[in-house]
Amino acid sequence: MNNKENIFGERLRMLRSMKGNLSQKDFAVELGIPQPTLSSYESGKIKPTVDAIINIADKCGVSMDWLCGRDETFHLKSMGDVLSCLMEMYETNEISIKTTIHDRVDLEEKDATDDKDRNWIDLKVYHNEVWHNPEVTLNQDFCTAISKAYKLTQELRRYERTQESYEREKAYFIDYMSSVPLTKIDHSDIPEEEQRKRMLELMKEEWEAMEGNTDS
């Protein structure tokens, strides 16, 4: 759950993570503030001034309300924000995303309505059972969450919900799912030699799987 006593610090750490897990030093340079000041903001030791909040909100492209915890929704304002969210998902242990990139146009196919004439990406998202949190209830699993989010958005697009109703339901649902924790891939403690060994083992498994499919 969010630490309501230091929501500003939590939001700063979230922004730093979404910018590629920048160090405090690099993030402080980007914000134009001393690194010790950033550290104190994140830990909650000191509270930012209004000018400091405005500066950080402007440079990170977020609202002051979100930064201060008055708005629970992180708003996507650029393709960089979209990429950051995707990277966060790719790095999550509990989620696997099978990605197929279709970026080549088949010159023999001239039907403009055919997907072969377009650049598109196929994403298949899986919940990794090995990382399943036993405390998560049936209504808090990833598939249910995506289904609910999609249904809500479609209801808004089809004018089946007012904007006010949609925002209220979205806020409630996000708050409900906020109690479900996620963990990140972290190989920093694995020696380089061991990483190469594991890489070769995975390549061997993938090759054998391909050979098995060919034989069948």
N, C-alpha and C. Protein backbone atom coordinates (compact mmCIF):
# COMPACT_ATOMS: atom_id res chain seq x y z
N MET A 1 0.84 -1.20 0.00
CA MET A 1 0.00 0.00 0.00
C MET A 1 0.87 1.24 0.00
N ASN A 2 0.32 2.36 -0.46
CA ASN A 2 1.07 3.58 -0.51
C ASN A 2 1.32 4.13 0.88
N ASN A 3 2.50 4.70 1.08
CA ASN A 3 2.82 5.38 2.32
C ASN A 3 2.28 6.79 2.25
N LYS A 4 1.12 7.03 2.87
CA LYS A 4 0.46 8.33 2.76
C LYS A 4 1.28 9.43 3.40
N GLU A 5 2.20 9.09 4.29
CA GLU A 5 3.02 10.10 4.95
C GLU A 5 4.10 10.64 4.02
N ASN A 6 4.44 9.89 2.99
CA ASN A 6 5.51 10.33 2.09
C ASN A 6 5.15 9.99 0.64
N ILE A 7 3.94 10.37 0.24
CA ILE A 7 3.49 10.06 -1.11
C ILE A 7 4.34 10.78 -2.15
N PHE A 8 4.81 11.99 -1.82
CA PHE A 8 5.66 12.74 -2.75
C PHE A 8 6.95 11.98 -3.02
N GLY A 9 7.57 11.45 -1.97
CA GLY A 9 8.80 10.68 -2.13
C GLY A 9 8.58 9.42 -2.94
N GLU A 10 7.45 8.76 -2.70
CA GLU A 10 7.13 7.55 -3.46
C GLU A 10 6.95 7.85 -4.94
N ARG A 11 6.28 8.97 -5.23
CA ARG A 11 6.06 9.34 -6.62
C ARG A 11 7.38 9.69 -7.31
N LEU A 12 8.30 10.33 -6.57
CA LEU A 12 9.61 10.64 -7.14
C LEU A 12 10.37 9.36 -7.48
N ARG A 13 10.33 8.38 -6.58
CA ARG A 13 11.02 7.12 -6.84
C ARG A 13 10.39 6.41 -8.05
N MET A 14 9.07 6.52 -8.17
CA MET A 14 8.38 5.90 -9.31
C MET A 14 8.83 6.55 -10.61
N LEU A 15 8.91 7.88 -10.62
CA LEU A 15 9.35 8.59 -11.82
C LEU A 15 10.79 8.22 -12.18
N ARG A 16 11.63 8.13 -11.17
CA ARG A 16 13.04 7.77 -11.40
C ARG A 16 13.13 6.37 -12.00
N SER A 17 12.28 5.46 -11.52
CA SER A 17 12.27 4.10 -12.04
C SER A 17 11.77 4.07 -13.48
N MET A 18 10.74 4.86 -13.77
CA MET A 18 10.16 4.86 -15.11
C MET A 18 11.06 5.52 -16.13
N LYS A 19 12.05 6.25 -15.68
CA LYS A 19 13.02 6.86 -16.59
C LYS A 19 14.24 5.97 -16.78
N GLY A 20 14.06 4.68 -16.55
CA GLY A 20 15.14 3.72 -16.78
C GLY A 20 15.96 3.45 -15.54
N ASN A 21 15.30 3.54 -14.36
CA ASN A 21 16.00 3.30 -13.09
C ASN A 21 17.25 4.17 -12.96
N LEU A 22 17.07 5.45 -13.21
CA LEU A 22 18.18 6.39 -13.07
C LEU A 22 18.68 6.41 -11.64
N SER A 23 19.95 6.67 -11.48
CA SER A 23 20.50 6.86 -10.14
C SER A 23 19.97 8.19 -9.59
N GLN A 24 20.04 8.35 -8.28
CA GLN A 24 19.62 9.62 -7.71
C GLN A 24 20.46 10.77 -8.27
N LYS A 25 21.73 10.52 -8.47
CA LYS A 25 22.62 11.55 -8.99
C LYS A 25 22.18 12.02 -10.37
N ASP A 26 21.90 11.05 -11.28
CA ASP A 26 21.51 11.41 -12.65
C ASP A 26 20.13 12.06 -12.68
N PHE A 27 19.22 11.56 -11.84
CA PHE A 27 17.87 12.12 -11.81
C PHE A 27 17.90 13.55 -11.26
N ALA A 28 18.76 13.77 -10.25
CA ALA A 28 18.89 15.10 -9.67
C ALA A 28 19.41 16.09 -10.71
N VAL A 29 20.36 15.65 -11.53
CA VAL A 29 20.88 16.51 -12.60
C VAL A 29 19.77 16.87 -13.57
N GLU A 30 18.95 15.88 -13.92
CA GLU A 30 17.84 16.11 -14.86
C GLU A 30 16.83 17.10 -14.29
N LEU A 31 16.63 17.03 -12.97
CA LEU A 31 15.67 17.93 -12.33
C LEU A 31 16.27 19.29 -12.00
N GLY A 32 17.60 19.36 -12.02
CA GLY A 32 18.27 20.61 -11.70
C GLY A 32 18.29 20.92 -10.21
N ILE A 33 18.37 19.86 -9.40
CA ILE A 33 18.45 20.05 -7.95
C ILE A 33 19.61 19.24 -7.40
N PRO A 34 20.14 19.57 -6.21
CA PRO A 34 21.24 18.79 -5.63
C PRO A 34 20.80 17.37 -5.30
N GLN A 35 21.71 16.41 -5.46
CA GLN A 35 21.39 15.01 -5.16
C GLN A 35 20.96 14.81 -3.70
N PRO A 36 21.61 15.47 -2.70
CA PRO A 36 21.16 15.30 -1.32
C PRO A 36 19.72 15.77 -1.12
N THR A 37 19.33 16.82 -1.86
CA THR A 37 17.95 17.30 -1.76
C THR A 37 16.97 16.26 -2.28
N LEU A 38 17.30 15.66 -3.43
CA LEU A 38 16.45 14.61 -4.00
C LEU A 38 16.34 13.45 -3.02
N SER A 39 17.47 13.06 -2.44
CA SER A 39 17.46 11.96 -1.47
C SER A 39 16.55 12.27 -0.29
N SER A 40 16.60 13.51 0.17
CA SER A 40 15.76 13.91 1.32
C SER A 40 14.29 13.95 0.94
N TYR A 41 14.00 14.34 -0.31
CA TYR A 41 12.61 14.31 -0.79
C TYR A 41 12.09 12.88 -0.80
N GLU A 42 12.90 11.97 -1.36
CA GLU A 42 12.46 10.58 -1.50
C GLU A 42 12.26 9.91 -0.14
N SER A 43 13.12 10.24 0.81
CA SER A 43 13.02 9.62 2.14
C SER A 43 12.00 10.31 3.03
N GLY A 44 11.55 11.49 2.62
CA GLY A 44 10.57 12.21 3.42
C GLY A 44 11.17 13.06 4.52
N LYS A 45 12.50 13.21 4.50
CA LYS A 45 13.16 14.00 5.55
C LYS A 45 12.82 15.47 5.44
N ILE A 46 12.66 15.96 4.20
CA ILE A 46 12.27 17.35 4.01
C ILE A 46 11.11 17.42 3.03
N LYS A 47 10.28 18.44 3.18
CA LYS A 47 9.14 18.64 2.29
C LYS A 47 9.50 19.66 1.21
N PRO A 48 9.07 19.44 0.00
CA PRO A 48 9.41 20.37 -1.09
C PRO A 48 8.60 21.66 -1.00
N THR A 49 9.17 22.73 -1.52
CA THR A 49 8.44 23.98 -1.63
C THR A 49 7.51 23.90 -2.84
N VAL A 50 6.59 24.85 -2.94
CA VAL A 50 5.68 24.88 -4.08
C VAL A 50 6.47 25.04 -5.38
N ASP A 51 7.49 25.89 -5.36
CA ASP A 51 8.32 26.08 -6.56
C ASP A 51 9.02 24.79 -6.96
N ALA A 52 9.48 24.02 -5.97
CA ALA A 52 10.16 22.76 -6.26
C ALA A 52 9.18 21.76 -6.90
N ILE A 53 7.95 21.73 -6.38
CA ILE A 53 6.94 20.82 -6.93
C ILE A 53 6.62 21.19 -8.38
N ILE A 54 6.46 22.49 -8.63
CA ILE A 54 6.17 22.95 -9.99
C ILE A 54 7.31 22.57 -10.93
N ASN A 55 8.55 22.77 -10.48
CA ASN A 55 9.73 22.45 -11.30
C ASN A 55 9.76 20.97 -11.67
N ILE A 56 9.56 20.12 -10.68
CA ILE A 56 9.62 18.67 -10.93
C ILE A 56 8.47 18.23 -11.81
N ALA A 57 7.26 18.74 -11.54
CA ALA A 57 6.09 18.37 -12.34
C ALA A 57 6.29 18.76 -13.80
N ASP A 58 6.81 19.97 -14.04
CA ASP A 58 7.02 20.43 -15.41
C ASP A 58 8.08 19.59 -16.13
N LYS A 59 9.19 19.31 -15.44
CA LYS A 59 10.28 18.59 -16.09
C LYS A 59 9.97 17.11 -16.31
N CYS A 60 9.06 16.56 -15.52
CA CYS A 60 8.71 15.14 -15.67
C CYS A 60 7.42 14.94 -16.45
N GLY A 61 6.75 16.04 -16.79
CA GLY A 61 5.53 15.93 -17.58
C GLY A 61 4.37 15.30 -16.83
N VAL A 62 4.28 15.56 -15.51
CA VAL A 62 3.18 15.03 -14.72
C VAL A 62 2.46 16.21 -14.05
N SER A 63 1.28 15.94 -13.52
CA SER A 63 0.55 17.00 -12.85
C SER A 63 1.02 17.15 -11.40
N MET A 64 0.86 18.34 -10.85
CA MET A 64 1.20 18.57 -9.45
C MET A 64 0.29 17.73 -8.55
N ASP A 65 -0.96 17.56 -8.96
CA ASP A 65 -1.89 16.75 -8.16
C ASP A 65 -1.41 15.31 -8.06
N TRP A 66 -0.95 14.75 -9.20
CA TRP A 66 -0.45 13.37 -9.15
C TRP A 66 0.80 13.28 -8.29
N LEU A 67 1.71 14.23 -8.45
CA LEU A 67 2.97 14.22 -7.73
C LEU A 67 2.75 14.30 -6.22
N CYS A 68 1.71 15.00 -5.81
CA CYS A 68 1.44 15.19 -4.38
C CYS A 68 0.41 14.21 -3.83
N GLY A 69 -0.06 13.29 -4.70
CA GLY A 69 -0.97 12.25 -4.22
C GLY A 69 -2.44 12.63 -4.24
N ARG A 70 -2.77 13.77 -4.85
CA ARG A 70 -4.17 14.17 -4.92
C ARG A 70 -4.86 13.52 -6.11
N ASP A 71 -4.09 13.05 -7.06
CA ASP A 71 -4.61 12.35 -8.24
C ASP A 71 -3.87 11.03 -8.33
N GLU A 72 -4.57 9.92 -8.21
CA GLU A 72 -3.93 8.61 -8.18
C GLU A 72 -3.56 8.09 -9.56
N THR A 73 -3.96 8.79 -10.61
CA THR A 73 -3.74 8.29 -11.96
C THR A 73 -2.49 8.90 -12.57
N PHE A 74 -1.60 8.05 -13.07
CA PHE A 74 -0.45 8.52 -13.82
C PHE A 74 -0.88 8.68 -15.27
N HIS A 75 -0.72 9.88 -15.82
CA HIS A 75 -1.20 10.17 -17.16
C HIS A 75 -0.07 10.03 -18.19
N LEU A 76 -0.36 9.30 -19.27
CA LEU A 76 0.60 9.17 -20.35
C LEU A 76 0.54 10.43 -21.21
N LYS A 77 1.68 11.12 -21.32
CA LYS A 77 1.70 12.37 -22.08
C LYS A 77 2.66 12.32 -23.26
N SER A 78 3.39 11.24 -23.41
CA SER A 78 4.33 11.13 -24.53
C SER A 78 4.57 9.67 -24.83
N MET A 79 5.18 9.40 -25.98
CA MET A 79 5.54 8.03 -26.31
C MET A 79 6.61 7.51 -25.35
N GLY A 80 7.38 8.43 -24.78
CA GLY A 80 8.35 8.01 -23.77
C GLY A 80 7.67 7.41 -22.55
N ASP A 81 6.53 7.98 -22.16
CA ASP A 81 5.77 7.43 -21.04
C ASP A 81 5.24 6.03 -21.38
N VAL A 82 4.76 5.88 -22.63
CA VAL A 82 4.27 4.57 -23.06
C VAL A 82 5.39 3.54 -23.01
N LEU A 83 6.57 3.92 -23.53
CA LEU A 83 7.71 3.01 -23.53
C LEU A 83 8.12 2.65 -22.11
N SER A 84 8.09 3.63 -21.21
CA SER A 84 8.45 3.37 -19.81
C SER A 84 7.50 2.35 -19.19
N CYS A 85 6.20 2.50 -19.48
CA CYS A 85 5.23 1.54 -18.93
C CYS A 85 5.46 0.15 -19.49
N LEU A 86 5.75 0.07 -20.80
CA LEU A 86 6.02 -1.24 -21.40
C LEU A 86 7.27 -1.88 -20.79
N MET A 87 8.32 -1.07 -20.61
CA MET A 87 9.54 -1.60 -20.02
C MET A 87 9.29 -2.10 -18.61
N GLU A 88 8.47 -1.38 -17.86
CA GLU A 88 8.13 -1.81 -16.51
C GLU A 88 7.44 -3.18 -16.55
N MET A 89 6.56 -3.38 -17.52
CA MET A 89 5.85 -4.65 -17.64
C MET A 89 6.80 -5.76 -18.06
N TYR A 90 7.68 -5.47 -19.02
CA TYR A 90 8.65 -6.47 -19.48
C TYR A 90 9.57 -6.91 -18.33
N GLU A 91 9.85 -6.01 -17.40
CA GLU A 91 10.78 -6.30 -16.30
C GLU A 91 10.12 -6.98 -15.12
N THR A 92 8.81 -7.17 -15.18
CA THR A 92 8.07 -7.72 -14.04
C THR A 92 8.09 -9.24 -14.04
N ASN A 93 8.42 -9.82 -12.89
CA ASN A 93 8.50 -11.27 -12.78
C ASN A 93 7.14 -11.94 -12.98
N GLU A 94 6.08 -11.33 -12.47
CA GLU A 94 4.77 -11.96 -12.49
C GLU A 94 4.11 -11.98 -13.85
N ILE A 95 4.67 -11.23 -14.81
CA ILE A 95 4.05 -11.10 -16.12
C ILE A 95 5.04 -11.46 -17.23
N SER A 96 4.58 -12.23 -18.22
CA SER A 96 5.37 -12.51 -19.42
C SER A 96 4.62 -11.94 -20.62
N ILE A 97 5.34 -11.29 -21.52
CA ILE A 97 4.71 -10.72 -22.71
C ILE A 97 5.40 -11.30 -23.94
N LYS A 98 4.69 -12.16 -24.66
CA LYS A 98 5.21 -12.70 -25.91
C LYS A 98 4.95 -11.65 -26.99
N THR A 99 6.00 -11.20 -27.65
CA THR A 99 5.89 -10.08 -28.57
C THR A 99 6.32 -10.48 -29.98
N THR A 100 5.45 -10.23 -30.94
CA THR A 100 5.77 -10.48 -32.34
C THR A 100 5.66 -9.16 -33.10
N ILE A 101 6.77 -8.74 -33.72
CA ILE A 101 6.81 -7.48 -34.44
C ILE A 101 6.55 -7.72 -35.92
N HIS A 102 5.55 -7.07 -36.49
CA HIS A 102 5.24 -7.18 -37.92
C HIS A 102 5.57 -5.82 -38.54
N ASP A 103 6.80 -5.68 -38.99
CA ASP A 103 7.24 -4.40 -39.53
C ASP A 103 7.66 -4.49 -40.99
N ARG A 104 7.30 -5.57 -41.67
CA ARG A 104 7.64 -5.73 -43.09
C ARG A 104 6.37 -5.78 -43.93
N VAL A 105 6.37 -5.07 -45.00
CA VAL A 105 5.23 -5.08 -45.91
C VAL A 105 5.45 -6.16 -46.97
N ASP A 106 4.49 -7.02 -47.09
CA ASP A 106 4.56 -8.06 -48.12
C ASP A 106 4.20 -7.42 -49.47
N LEU A 107 5.20 -7.20 -50.33
CA LEU A 107 4.99 -6.49 -51.58
C LEU A 107 4.10 -7.25 -52.54
N GLU A 108 3.95 -8.54 -52.33
CA GLU A 108 3.10 -9.32 -53.22
C GLU A 108 1.64 -9.18 -52.86
N GLU A 109 1.38 -8.69 -51.67
CA GLU A 109 0.01 -8.49 -51.23
C GLU A 109 -0.34 -7.02 -51.38
N LYS A 110 -1.29 -6.69 -52.23
CA LYS A 110 -1.61 -5.30 -52.51
C LYS A 110 -2.93 -4.86 -51.89
N ASP A 111 -3.59 -5.75 -51.15
CA ASP A 111 -4.87 -5.40 -50.53
C ASP A 111 -4.61 -4.44 -49.37
N ALA A 112 -5.05 -3.20 -49.51
CA ALA A 112 -4.77 -2.18 -48.49
C ALA A 112 -5.46 -2.48 -47.17
N THR A 113 -6.46 -3.37 -47.20
CA THR A 113 -7.16 -3.69 -45.95
C THR A 113 -6.48 -4.83 -45.21
N ASP A 114 -5.47 -5.41 -45.81
CA ASP A 114 -4.76 -6.54 -45.21
C ASP A 114 -3.75 -6.04 -44.19
N ASP A 115 -3.71 -6.71 -43.02
CA ASP A 115 -2.77 -6.33 -41.98
C ASP A 115 -1.32 -6.47 -42.43
N LYS A 116 -1.07 -7.24 -43.49
CA LYS A 116 0.30 -7.40 -43.98
C LYS A 116 0.86 -6.09 -44.53
N ASP A 117 -0.04 -5.16 -44.85
CA ASP A 117 0.41 -3.88 -45.40
C ASP A 117 0.63 -2.84 -44.31
N ARG A 118 0.55 -3.25 -43.07
CA ARG A 118 0.68 -2.30 -41.98
C ARG A 118 1.74 -2.76 -41.00
N ASN A 119 2.29 -1.81 -40.29
CA ASN A 119 3.18 -2.14 -39.18
C ASN A 119 2.33 -2.35 -37.93
N TRP A 120 2.46 -3.50 -37.34
CA TRP A 120 1.69 -3.75 -36.13
C TRP A 120 2.43 -4.72 -35.23
N ILE A 121 2.00 -4.78 -33.98
CA ILE A 121 2.67 -5.60 -32.97
C ILE A 121 1.63 -6.49 -32.29
N ASP A 122 1.96 -7.73 -32.16
CA ASP A 122 1.09 -8.69 -31.49
C ASP A 122 1.65 -8.97 -30.10
N LEU A 123 0.91 -8.60 -29.07
CA LEU A 123 1.34 -8.83 -27.69
C LEU A 123 0.43 -9.86 -27.04
N LYS A 124 1.02 -10.91 -26.50
CA LYS A 124 0.28 -11.90 -25.72
C LYS A 124 0.83 -11.87 -24.31
N VAL A 125 -0.03 -11.51 -23.37
CA VAL A 125 0.41 -11.32 -21.99
C VAL A 125 -0.03 -12.51 -21.15
N TYR A 126 0.93 -13.07 -20.41
CA TYR A 126 0.67 -14.23 -19.57
C TYR A 126 0.98 -13.91 -18.10
N HIS A 127 0.23 -14.56 -17.22
CA HIS A 127 0.54 -14.45 -15.80
C HIS A 127 1.44 -15.61 -15.42
N ASN A 128 2.63 -15.31 -14.92
CA ASN A 128 3.57 -16.37 -14.55
C ASN A 128 3.13 -17.04 -13.26
N GLU A 129 2.65 -18.26 -13.36
CA GLU A 129 2.12 -18.96 -12.19
C GLU A 129 3.18 -19.18 -11.12
N VAL A 130 4.46 -19.33 -11.55
CA VAL A 130 5.52 -19.60 -10.59
C VAL A 130 5.71 -18.42 -9.64
N TRP A 131 5.30 -17.23 -10.08
CA TRP A 131 5.43 -16.03 -9.26
C TRP A 131 4.11 -15.66 -8.60
N HIS A 132 3.13 -16.52 -8.66
CA HIS A 132 1.80 -16.18 -8.14
C HIS A 132 1.85 -15.93 -6.63
N ASN A 133 1.25 -14.84 -6.22
CA ASN A 133 1.16 -14.48 -4.81
C ASN A 133 -0.05 -15.18 -4.20
N PRO A 134 0.14 -16.09 -3.23
CA PRO A 134 -0.98 -16.84 -2.66
C PRO A 134 -2.01 -15.96 -1.96
N GLU A 135 -1.62 -14.73 -1.61
CA GLU A 135 -2.55 -13.84 -0.93
C GLU A 135 -3.46 -13.11 -1.91
N VAL A 136 -3.16 -13.22 -3.21
CA VAL A 136 -3.98 -12.56 -4.21
C VAL A 136 -5.27 -13.34 -4.42
N THR A 137 -6.40 -12.67 -4.38
CA THR A 137 -7.68 -13.35 -4.54
C THR A 137 -7.98 -13.57 -6.01
N LEU A 138 -9.02 -14.34 -6.27
CA LEU A 138 -9.39 -14.69 -7.64
C LEU A 138 -9.68 -13.44 -8.46
N ASN A 139 -10.28 -12.43 -7.82
CA ASN A 139 -10.66 -11.22 -8.53
C ASN A 139 -9.51 -10.23 -8.69
N GLN A 140 -8.30 -10.63 -8.26
CA GLN A 140 -7.15 -9.74 -8.37
C GLN A 140 -6.09 -10.28 -9.32
N ASP A 141 -6.39 -11.32 -10.08
CA ASP A 141 -5.40 -11.85 -11.00
C ASP A 141 -5.30 -10.95 -12.22
N PHE A 142 -4.21 -11.10 -12.96
CA PHE A 142 -3.90 -10.18 -14.06
C PHE A 142 -4.93 -10.25 -15.17
N CYS A 143 -5.38 -11.44 -15.53
CA CYS A 143 -6.35 -11.57 -16.61
C CYS A 143 -7.66 -10.86 -16.27
N THR A 144 -8.10 -11.01 -15.03
CA THR A 144 -9.32 -10.34 -14.59
C THR A 144 -9.15 -8.83 -14.65
N ALA A 145 -7.95 -8.36 -14.26
CA ALA A 145 -7.68 -6.93 -14.27
C ALA A 145 -7.74 -6.37 -15.69
N ILE A 146 -7.10 -7.04 -16.64
CA ILE A 146 -7.10 -6.58 -18.03
C ILE A 146 -8.51 -6.62 -18.60
N SER A 147 -9.25 -7.68 -18.29
CA SER A 147 -10.61 -7.80 -18.78
C SER A 147 -11.49 -6.65 -18.28
N LYS A 148 -11.33 -6.34 -17.00
CA LYS A 148 -12.10 -5.26 -16.40
C LYS A 148 -11.72 -3.91 -17.02
N ALA A 149 -10.43 -3.67 -17.18
CA ALA A 149 -9.96 -2.41 -17.76
C ALA A 149 -10.47 -2.24 -19.19
N TYR A 150 -10.40 -3.31 -19.97
CA TYR A 150 -10.86 -3.26 -21.36
C TYR A 150 -12.37 -2.98 -21.42
N LYS A 151 -13.12 -3.67 -20.56
CA LYS A 151 -14.58 -3.50 -20.54
C LYS A 151 -14.95 -2.06 -20.18
N LEU A 152 -14.28 -1.50 -19.19
CA LEU A 152 -14.55 -0.12 -18.79
C LEU A 152 -14.29 0.85 -19.94
N THR A 153 -13.13 0.67 -20.59
CA THR A 153 -12.76 1.57 -21.68
C THR A 153 -13.73 1.47 -22.84
N GLN A 154 -14.15 0.25 -23.17
CA GLN A 154 -15.10 0.06 -24.27
C GLN A 154 -16.45 0.69 -23.94
N GLU A 155 -16.86 0.61 -22.68
CA GLU A 155 -18.12 1.23 -22.28
C GLU A 155 -18.06 2.75 -22.46
N LEU A 156 -16.88 3.32 -22.20
CA LEU A 156 -16.72 4.76 -22.40
C LEU A 156 -16.74 5.10 -23.89
N ARG A 157 -16.01 4.32 -24.70
CA ARG A 157 -15.96 4.57 -26.14
C ARG A 157 -17.34 4.47 -26.78
N ARG A 158 -18.18 3.55 -26.28
CA ARG A 158 -19.51 3.34 -26.87
C ARG A 158 -20.59 4.21 -26.22
N TYR A 159 -20.14 5.16 -25.38
CA TYR A 159 -21.05 6.09 -24.71
C TYR A 159 -22.01 5.39 -23.75
N GLU A 160 -21.62 4.21 -23.28
CA GLU A 160 -22.44 3.49 -22.32
C GLU A 160 -22.21 3.98 -20.89
N ARG A 161 -21.14 4.73 -20.70
CA ARG A 161 -20.83 5.35 -19.41
C ARG A 161 -20.54 6.82 -19.62
N THR A 162 -20.93 7.61 -18.64
CA THR A 162 -20.53 9.01 -18.68
C THR A 162 -19.07 9.10 -18.28
N GLN A 163 -18.41 10.22 -18.61
CA GLN A 163 -17.02 10.41 -18.22
C GLN A 163 -16.87 10.34 -16.71
N GLU A 164 -17.82 10.94 -16.00
CA GLU A 164 -17.76 10.95 -14.54
C GLU A 164 -17.86 9.54 -13.97
N SER A 165 -18.78 8.74 -14.52
CA SER A 165 -18.95 7.36 -14.07
C SER A 165 -17.70 6.54 -14.35
N TYR A 166 -17.13 6.76 -15.54
CA TYR A 166 -15.92 6.03 -15.92
C TYR A 166 -14.76 6.36 -15.00
N GLU A 167 -14.52 7.65 -14.74
CA GLU A 167 -13.41 8.06 -13.89
C GLU A 167 -13.58 7.53 -12.47
N ARG A 168 -14.80 7.54 -11.98
CA ARG A 168 -15.07 7.05 -10.62
C ARG A 168 -14.80 5.55 -10.52
N GLU A 169 -15.29 4.78 -11.50
CA GLU A 169 -15.08 3.33 -11.48
C GLU A 169 -13.62 2.98 -11.69
N LYS A 170 -12.93 3.73 -12.58
CA LYS A 170 -11.51 3.48 -12.83
C LYS A 170 -10.70 3.72 -11.56
N ALA A 171 -10.96 4.83 -10.87
CA ALA A 171 -10.22 5.14 -9.65
C ALA A 171 -10.44 4.07 -8.59
N TYR A 172 -11.68 3.60 -8.46
CA TYR A 172 -11.98 2.55 -7.48
C TYR A 172 -11.24 1.26 -7.82
N PHE A 173 -11.24 0.89 -9.10
CA PHE A 173 -10.61 -0.36 -9.53
C PHE A 173 -9.10 -0.30 -9.36
N ILE A 174 -8.48 0.82 -9.72
CA ILE A 174 -7.04 0.96 -9.57
C ILE A 174 -6.65 0.88 -8.10
N ASP A 175 -7.42 1.53 -7.23
CA ASP A 175 -7.14 1.49 -5.80
C ASP A 175 -7.27 0.06 -5.27
N TYR A 176 -8.26 -0.67 -5.77
CA TYR A 176 -8.47 -2.05 -5.35
C TYR A 176 -7.29 -2.94 -5.74
N MET A 177 -6.76 -2.73 -6.95
CA MET A 177 -5.65 -3.55 -7.43
C MET A 177 -4.30 -3.10 -6.88
N SER A 178 -4.26 -1.94 -6.24
CA SER A 178 -2.98 -1.42 -5.73
C SER A 178 -2.43 -2.25 -4.58
N SER A 179 -3.25 -3.11 -4.01
CA SER A 179 -2.76 -3.95 -2.91
C SER A 179 -2.02 -5.19 -3.42
N VAL A 180 -2.00 -5.40 -4.74
CA VAL A 180 -1.33 -6.57 -5.32
C VAL A 180 0.10 -6.17 -5.71
N PRO A 181 1.11 -6.69 -5.01
CA PRO A 181 2.50 -6.28 -5.28
C PRO A 181 3.09 -6.98 -6.51
N LEU A 182 4.08 -6.35 -7.10
CA LEU A 182 4.84 -6.93 -8.21
C LEU A 182 6.32 -6.89 -7.86
N THR A 183 7.09 -7.80 -8.45
CA THR A 183 8.54 -7.81 -8.24
C THR A 183 9.23 -7.67 -9.59
N LYS A 184 10.49 -7.22 -9.55
CA LYS A 184 11.22 -6.94 -10.77
C LYS A 184 12.34 -7.96 -11.01
N ILE A 185 12.63 -8.20 -12.28
CA ILE A 185 13.78 -9.03 -12.64
C ILE A 185 15.04 -8.33 -12.15
N ASP A 186 15.90 -9.08 -11.48
CA ASP A 186 17.14 -8.49 -10.98
C ASP A 186 18.24 -9.55 -11.04
N HIS A 187 19.15 -9.38 -11.99
CA HIS A 187 20.26 -10.33 -12.17
C HIS A 187 21.59 -9.74 -11.69
N SER A 188 21.51 -8.67 -10.92
CA SER A 188 22.73 -7.98 -10.51
C SER A 188 23.64 -8.83 -9.63
N ASP A 189 23.08 -9.85 -8.96
CA ASP A 189 23.90 -10.68 -8.08
C ASP A 189 24.40 -11.96 -8.76
N ILE A 190 24.12 -12.10 -10.07
CA ILE A 190 24.55 -13.30 -10.79
C ILE A 190 25.85 -12.98 -11.54
N PRO A 191 26.94 -13.70 -11.28
CA PRO A 191 28.22 -13.44 -11.98
C PRO A 191 28.06 -13.58 -13.49
N GLU A 192 28.88 -12.86 -14.23
CA GLU A 192 28.78 -12.85 -15.69
C GLU A 192 28.96 -14.25 -16.28
N GLU A 193 29.88 -15.02 -15.71
CA GLU A 193 30.11 -16.38 -16.20
C GLU A 193 28.86 -17.24 -16.02
N GLU A 194 28.19 -17.10 -14.88
CA GLU A 194 26.98 -17.86 -14.62
C GLU A 194 25.86 -17.43 -15.56
N GLN A 195 25.80 -16.13 -15.88
CA GLN A 195 24.78 -15.65 -16.81
C GLN A 195 24.97 -16.25 -18.19
N ARG A 196 26.24 -16.33 -18.63
CA ARG A 196 26.51 -16.94 -19.94
C ARG A 196 26.11 -18.41 -19.95
N LYS A 197 26.37 -19.09 -18.84
CA LYS A 197 26.01 -20.50 -18.73
C LYS A 197 24.50 -20.68 -18.84
N ARG A 198 23.77 -19.85 -18.14
CA ARG A 198 22.31 -19.94 -18.18
C ARG A 198 21.77 -19.57 -19.56
N MET A 199 22.41 -18.60 -20.21
CA MET A 199 21.99 -18.21 -21.54
C MET A 199 22.13 -19.38 -22.51
N LEU A 200 23.26 -20.09 -22.44
CA LEU A 200 23.49 -21.23 -23.33
C LEU A 200 22.49 -22.35 -23.04
N GLU A 201 22.16 -22.55 -21.77
CA GLU A 201 21.18 -23.58 -21.41
C GLU A 201 19.81 -23.25 -21.99
N LEU A 202 19.43 -21.98 -21.93
CA LEU A 202 18.14 -21.56 -22.49
C LEU A 202 18.13 -21.70 -24.01
N MET A 203 19.25 -21.32 -24.63
CA MET A 203 19.34 -21.46 -26.09
C MET A 203 19.22 -22.92 -26.50
N LYS A 204 19.83 -23.82 -25.73
CA LYS A 204 19.76 -25.24 -26.02
C LYS A 204 18.34 -25.75 -25.89
N GLU A 205 17.63 -25.31 -24.83
CA GLU A 205 16.25 -25.73 -24.62
C GLU A 205 15.36 -25.24 -25.76
N GLU A 206 15.57 -23.99 -26.19
CA GLU A 206 14.77 -23.44 -27.28
C GLU A 206 15.05 -24.18 -28.59
N TRP A 207 16.31 -24.52 -28.84
CA TRP A 207 16.67 -25.25 -30.06
C TRP A 207 16.04 -26.64 -30.06
N GLU A 208 16.11 -27.32 -28.93
CA GLU A 208 15.53 -28.66 -28.84
C GLU A 208 14.02 -28.60 -29.02
N ALA A 209 13.39 -27.54 -28.51
CA ALA A 209 11.94 -27.39 -28.67
C ALA A 209 11.60 -27.18 -30.14
N MET A 210 12.41 -26.39 -30.83
CA MET A 210 12.19 -26.15 -32.27
C MET A 210 12.37 -27.42 -33.06
N GLU A 211 13.41 -28.21 -32.71
CA GLU A 211 13.67 -29.48 -33.39
C GLU A 211 12.51 -30.44 -33.17
N GLY A 212 11.96 -30.43 -31.95
CA GLY A 212 10.83 -31.30 -31.64
C GLY A 212 9.61 -30.95 -32.45
N ASN A 213 9.37 -29.67 -32.64
CA ASN A 213 8.23 -29.22 -33.44
C ASN A 213 8.40 -29.60 -34.91
N THR A 214 9.65 -29.54 -35.38
CA THR A 214 9.93 -29.90 -36.77
C THR A 214 9.69 -31.37 -37.02
N ASP A 215 10.13 -32.21 -36.06
CA ASP A 215 9.95 -33.66 -36.20
C ASP A 215 8.48 -34.07 -36.23
N SER A 216 7.68 -33.36 -35.47
CA SER A 216 6.26 -33.70 -35.40
C SER A 216 5.50 -33.20 -36.63
